[in-house]
């Protein structure tokens, strides 16, 4: 069962727009690493820089905490919950969760419990090697249980390989639009630029569902990318050394990116 068309289920109430309330929001990553029992202070330091400049932050267990290909470990859930609670308590902007590997049900629960407003799913549609596809009925049940949590659903995500022929990204986006509040398109890996042709194809396939750039936004490509998309998730371009453990966000890099985005 695919669920009702997006015009019926999403069109009248789009949680993405409700949560962010601004045109073309920029969401900054707060990466949480393995091997440290307490990273809350680092997240709050990044939030202090980001809060006045961006439109949201996204807490993610980066590269660890996988119980199996579809579920996170209890340790990852506990850590993400602790940090998200602290960030949300100190934030004037929306806070979200990406609980890898695509553990959307736990992410929704933790968001609800900690003051989070949205979640990201690496993939919301498609069949990939090594993991189960999203159970649409279960996703709908979780959305009904947590009706105020916005869902940003990925299509053709980085680091996943399709089972069988790769469908057109426009086709995947149309299905994703029936299941979430925004569609996320990424590049091939962390920090890599999202393909402009992919963005154009998804933009043509979507009507009223927001399109989000999932990786590789820079001051140089912001005019072209944000001329098509309705928002972006950023991480690598706002840190001097990119996504490296212990690397803080850099105020000057954030300001430079946001200046380009706002002037585009």
Protein backbone atom coordinates (compact mmCIF):
# COMPACT_ATOMS: atom_id res chain seq x y z
CA UNK A 1 0.00 0.00 0.00
CA UNK A 2 1.57 3.26 -1.12
CA UNK A 3 -0.75 5.62 0.76
CA UNK A 4 -2.78 8.55 -0.54
CA UNK A 5 -1.31 10.95 -3.05
CA UNK A 6 0.75 13.82 -1.71
CA UNK A 7 -1.84 16.41 -2.69
CA UNK A 8 -4.26 14.77 -0.24
CA UNK A 9 -1.91 13.83 2.59
CA UNK A 10 0.74 16.53 2.49
CA UNK A 11 -0.56 19.43 0.48
CA UNK A 12 -2.90 20.82 3.14
CA UNK A 13 -0.26 20.58 5.86
CA UNK A 14 3.42 20.48 5.10
CA UNK A 15 5.37 20.03 8.31
CA UNK A 16 8.64 21.11 6.69
CA UNK A 17 7.29 24.60 6.13
CA UNK A 18 5.59 24.61 9.53
CA UNK A 19 8.80 23.66 11.32
CA UNK A 20 11.16 26.11 9.63
CA UNK A 21 8.86 28.99 8.76
CA UNK A 22 11.45 30.61 6.48
CA UNK A 23 12.10 30.54 2.76
CA UNK A 24 14.82 28.05 1.80
CA UNK A 25 16.08 27.02 5.25
CA UNK A 26 19.70 25.97 5.75
CA UNK A 27 20.16 23.11 8.23
CA UNK A 28 23.62 22.56 9.74
CA UNK A 29 24.92 19.17 10.85
CA UNK A 30 25.93 18.39 14.43
CA UNK A 31 27.94 15.19 14.00
CA UNK A 32 28.19 12.87 16.99
CA UNK A 33 31.18 10.50 16.96
CA UNK A 34 31.92 7.12 18.47
CA UNK A 35 34.48 6.71 21.22
CA UNK A 36 33.48 9.66 23.38
CA UNK A 37 31.07 9.36 26.26
CA UNK A 38 30.25 13.06 26.36
CA UNK A 39 30.05 15.37 23.34
CA UNK A 40 27.30 17.64 24.54
CA UNK A 41 29.63 20.57 25.24
CA UNK A 42 31.04 20.43 21.70
CA UNK A 43 27.53 20.36 20.23
CA UNK A 44 26.53 23.36 22.33
CA UNK A 45 29.64 25.28 21.24
CA UNK A 46 28.74 24.62 17.60
CA UNK A 47 25.15 25.64 18.32
CA UNK A 48 26.36 28.96 19.77
CA UNK A 49 28.01 29.74 16.43
CA UNK A 50 25.25 28.34 14.24
CA UNK A 51 22.15 29.55 16.09
CA UNK A 52 22.17 33.18 14.89
CA UNK A 53 23.13 32.24 11.33
CA UNK A 54 21.34 29.09 10.11
CA UNK A 55 17.73 27.95 10.24
CA UNK A 56 18.06 24.55 11.90
CA UNK A 57 20.51 21.93 13.15
CA UNK A 58 20.55 18.16 12.63
CA UNK A 59 22.07 15.77 15.19
CA UNK A 60 23.52 12.58 13.65
CA UNK A 61 25.48 9.55 14.87
CA UNK A 62 28.19 9.74 12.21
CA UNK A 63 29.44 6.33 11.05
CA UNK A 64 28.70 4.32 14.19
CA UNK A 65 25.89 2.89 16.30
CA UNK A 66 24.52 0.35 13.79
CA UNK A 67 22.80 -2.61 15.47
CA UNK A 68 21.96 -4.03 12.03
CA UNK A 69 21.45 -2.45 8.57
CA UNK A 70 18.11 -0.96 9.62
CA UNK A 71 18.37 -0.26 13.34
CA UNK A 72 20.60 1.76 15.65
CA UNK A 73 22.09 0.46 18.88
CA UNK A 74 20.65 1.34 22.30
CA UNK A 75 23.92 3.18 23.01
CA UNK A 76 23.51 5.36 19.91
CA UNK A 77 19.90 6.11 20.80
CA UNK A 78 20.85 7.08 24.35
CA UNK A 79 23.70 9.31 23.17
CA UNK A 80 21.66 11.03 20.46
CA UNK A 81 18.78 11.55 22.90
CA UNK A 82 21.07 13.14 25.52
CA UNK A 83 22.71 15.51 23.05
CA UNK A 84 19.48 16.39 21.25
CA UNK A 85 17.79 17.22 24.56
CA UNK A 86 20.60 19.59 25.51
CA UNK A 87 20.72 21.21 22.08
CA UNK A 88 16.95 21.66 21.88
CA UNK A 89 16.87 23.21 25.36
CA UNK A 90 19.38 25.84 24.24
CA UNK A 91 18.26 26.41 20.65
CA UNK A 92 16.05 29.10 19.19
CA UNK A 93 15.99 27.23 15.87
CA UNK A 94 14.50 23.81 15.04
CA UNK A 95 16.51 20.74 16.01
CA UNK A 96 16.31 17.44 14.14
CA UNK A 97 17.73 13.91 14.22
CA UNK A 98 19.22 11.57 11.63
CA UNK A 99 19.57 8.27 13.50
CA UNK A 100 21.66 5.99 11.31
CA UNK A 101 21.17 3.55 9.71
CA UNK A 102 17.77 4.96 8.72
CA UNK A 103 16.18 4.15 12.10
CA UNK A 104 13.25 6.49 11.55
CA UNK A 105 10.94 5.05 14.21
CA UNK A 106 13.49 5.53 17.00
CA UNK A 107 14.39 8.95 15.60
CA UNK A 108 10.75 10.07 15.74
CA UNK A 109 10.38 8.81 19.30
CA UNK A 110 13.57 10.51 20.46
CA UNK A 111 12.64 13.75 18.69
CA UNK A 112 9.28 13.79 20.42
CA UNK A 113 10.85 13.09 23.82
CA UNK A 114 13.69 15.62 23.56
CA UNK A 115 12.16 18.64 21.83
CA UNK A 116 13.24 17.75 18.30
CA UNK A 117 11.07 19.00 15.45
CA UNK A 118 12.12 16.90 12.44
CA UNK A 119 14.03 13.83 11.29
CA UNK A 120 16.01 12.93 8.21
CA UNK A 121 15.78 9.50 6.57
CA UNK A 122 18.69 8.45 4.36
CA UNK A 123 16.19 6.65 2.16
CA UNK A 124 12.42 6.75 2.17
CA UNK A 125 11.90 4.80 -1.06
CA UNK A 126 13.87 2.17 -2.97
CA UNK A 127 15.45 -1.26 -2.54
CA UNK A 128 19.16 -1.36 -1.70
CA UNK A 129 21.69 -4.10 -1.11
CA UNK A 130 22.25 -4.98 2.52
CA UNK A 131 19.14 -3.46 4.09
CA UNK A 132 15.39 -3.71 4.10
CA UNK A 133 13.25 -1.20 2.21
CA UNK A 134 11.11 1.15 4.25
CA UNK A 135 7.84 -0.47 5.29
CA UNK A 136 5.35 2.15 4.12
CA UNK A 137 2.59 1.01 6.45
CA UNK A 138 4.91 1.18 9.44
CA UNK A 139 6.15 4.62 8.38
CA UNK A 140 2.56 5.84 8.11
CA UNK A 141 1.79 4.44 11.56
CA UNK A 142 4.80 6.24 13.05
CA UNK A 143 3.82 9.47 11.33
CA UNK A 144 0.34 9.16 12.81
CA UNK A 145 1.86 8.56 16.27
CA UNK A 146 4.15 11.61 15.95
CA UNK A 147 2.13 13.99 13.78
CA UNK A 148 4.19 17.11 14.52
CA UNK A 149 7.56 15.63 13.53
CA UNK A 150 8.54 16.61 9.98
CA UNK A 151 10.13 13.92 7.81
CA UNK A 152 12.87 14.72 5.29
CA UNK A 153 13.13 11.64 3.06
CA UNK A 154 16.13 10.79 0.92
CA UNK A 155 16.11 9.41 -2.62
CA UNK A 156 19.09 7.74 -4.37
CA UNK A 157 21.17 8.29 -1.22
CA UNK A 158 24.95 8.27 -0.95
CA UNK A 159 26.62 5.01 0.09
CA UNK A 160 23.67 2.83 -0.99
CA UNK A 161 23.59 0.53 -4.03
CA UNK A 162 20.30 -0.30 -5.70
CA UNK A 163 19.09 -3.88 -6.07
CA UNK A 164 18.52 -4.22 -9.79
CA UNK A 165 18.38 -1.34 -12.27
CA UNK A 166 18.45 2.15 -10.85
CA UNK A 167 15.08 3.83 -11.41
CA UNK A 168 14.87 7.41 -12.68
CA UNK A 169 15.37 9.78 -9.78
CA UNK A 170 12.21 11.62 -10.81
CA UNK A 171 10.22 8.42 -10.31
CA UNK A 172 11.73 7.86 -6.87
CA UNK A 173 11.05 11.47 -5.91
CA UNK A 174 7.39 11.19 -6.87
CA UNK A 175 6.99 8.20 -4.53
CA UNK A 176 8.97 9.92 -1.79
CA UNK A 177 6.69 12.94 -2.02
CA UNK A 178 3.79 10.72 -0.95
CA UNK A 179 5.60 9.65 2.20
CA UNK A 180 7.44 12.65 3.65
CA UNK A 181 7.37 16.41 4.00
CA UNK A 182 10.49 17.10 1.93
CA UNK A 183 12.64 15.16 -0.53
CA UNK A 184 16.42 15.11 0.00
CA UNK A 185 18.88 14.62 -2.88
CA UNK A 186 22.58 14.06 -2.15
CA UNK A 187 25.88 13.67 -3.91
CA UNK A 188 27.87 10.43 -4.07
CA UNK A 189 29.52 10.83 -0.64
CA UNK A 190 29.77 13.13 2.37
CA UNK A 191 30.63 16.62 1.18
CA UNK A 192 30.32 15.87 -2.53
CA UNK A 193 28.28 18.24 -4.65
CA UNK A 194 24.70 17.26 -5.40
CA UNK A 195 24.27 16.79 -9.12
CA UNK A 196 22.48 19.75 -10.67
CA UNK A 197 20.74 17.52 -13.23
CA UNK A 198 19.36 15.37 -10.38
CA UNK A 199 18.01 18.48 -8.68
CA UNK A 200 16.39 19.64 -11.92
CA UNK A 201 14.81 16.24 -12.54
CA UNK A 202 13.39 16.08 -9.01
CA UNK A 203 12.21 19.68 -9.18
CA UNK A 204 10.22 18.86 -12.33
CA UNK A 205 8.72 15.77 -10.68
CA UNK A 206 7.55 17.60 -7.55
CA UNK A 207 4.84 20.16 -7.28
CA UNK A 208 4.33 21.42 -3.75
CA UNK A 209 6.72 19.17 -1.82
CA UNK A 210 9.99 20.91 -0.82
CA UNK A 211 13.28 19.78 -2.36
CA UNK A 212 16.39 19.79 -0.12
CA UNK A 213 20.05 19.65 -1.16
CA UNK A 214 21.58 16.93 1.00
CA UNK A 215 25.32 17.41 0.48
CA UNK A 216 28.03 19.56 -1.02
CA UNK A 217 26.51 23.03 -0.81
CA UNK A 218 29.24 25.70 -1.02
CA UNK A 219 29.36 29.45 -1.53
CA UNK A 220 30.42 28.79 -5.11
CA UNK A 221 27.53 26.51 -6.10
CA UNK A 222 24.86 28.02 -3.82
CA UNK A 223 23.33 30.32 -6.47
CA UNK A 224 22.75 27.45 -8.91
CA UNK A 225 21.67 24.87 -6.32
CA UNK A 226 19.45 27.13 -4.26
CA UNK A 227 17.92 28.51 -7.44
CA UNK A 228 16.30 25.08 -7.75
CA UNK A 229 16.02 23.74 -4.20
CA UNK A 230 13.88 24.80 -1.24
CA UNK A 231 16.53 24.23 1.42
CA UNK A 232 19.82 22.48 2.16
CA UNK A 233 21.66 20.40 4.75
CA UNK A 234 25.29 21.47 5.23
CA UNK A 235 28.27 20.05 7.09
CA UNK A 236 31.59 19.80 5.27
CA UNK A 237 31.66 23.33 3.90
CA UNK A 238 31.29 24.97 7.32
CA UNK A 239 34.33 23.26 8.88
CA UNK A 240 37.93 24.10 8.01
CA UNK A 241 38.99 20.43 7.69
CA UNK A 242 35.58 19.12 6.71
CA UNK A 243 33.85 16.33 8.62
CA UNK A 244 36.65 15.28 10.96
CA UNK A 245 36.20 14.18 14.56
CA UNK A 246 36.66 17.10 16.92
CA UNK A 247 36.54 19.71 14.16
CA UNK A 248 34.24 22.60 15.17
CA UNK A 249 32.15 24.67 12.83
CA UNK A 250 33.90 27.82 11.67
CA UNK A 251 32.01 31.09 12.05
CA UNK A 252 33.61 32.75 9.02
CA UNK A 253 32.79 29.77 6.79
CA UNK A 254 29.19 29.73 8.01
CA UNK A 255 28.83 33.47 7.45
CA UNK A 256 30.32 33.24 3.96
CA UNK A 257 28.00 30.41 2.97
CA UNK A 258 24.92 32.11 4.40
CA UNK A 259 25.78 35.41 2.70
CA UNK A 260 25.83 33.60 -0.66
CA UNK A 261 22.63 31.71 0.07
CA UNK A 262 20.75 34.82 1.15
CA UNK A 263 21.95 36.81 -1.84
CA UNK A 264 21.11 34.08 -4.37
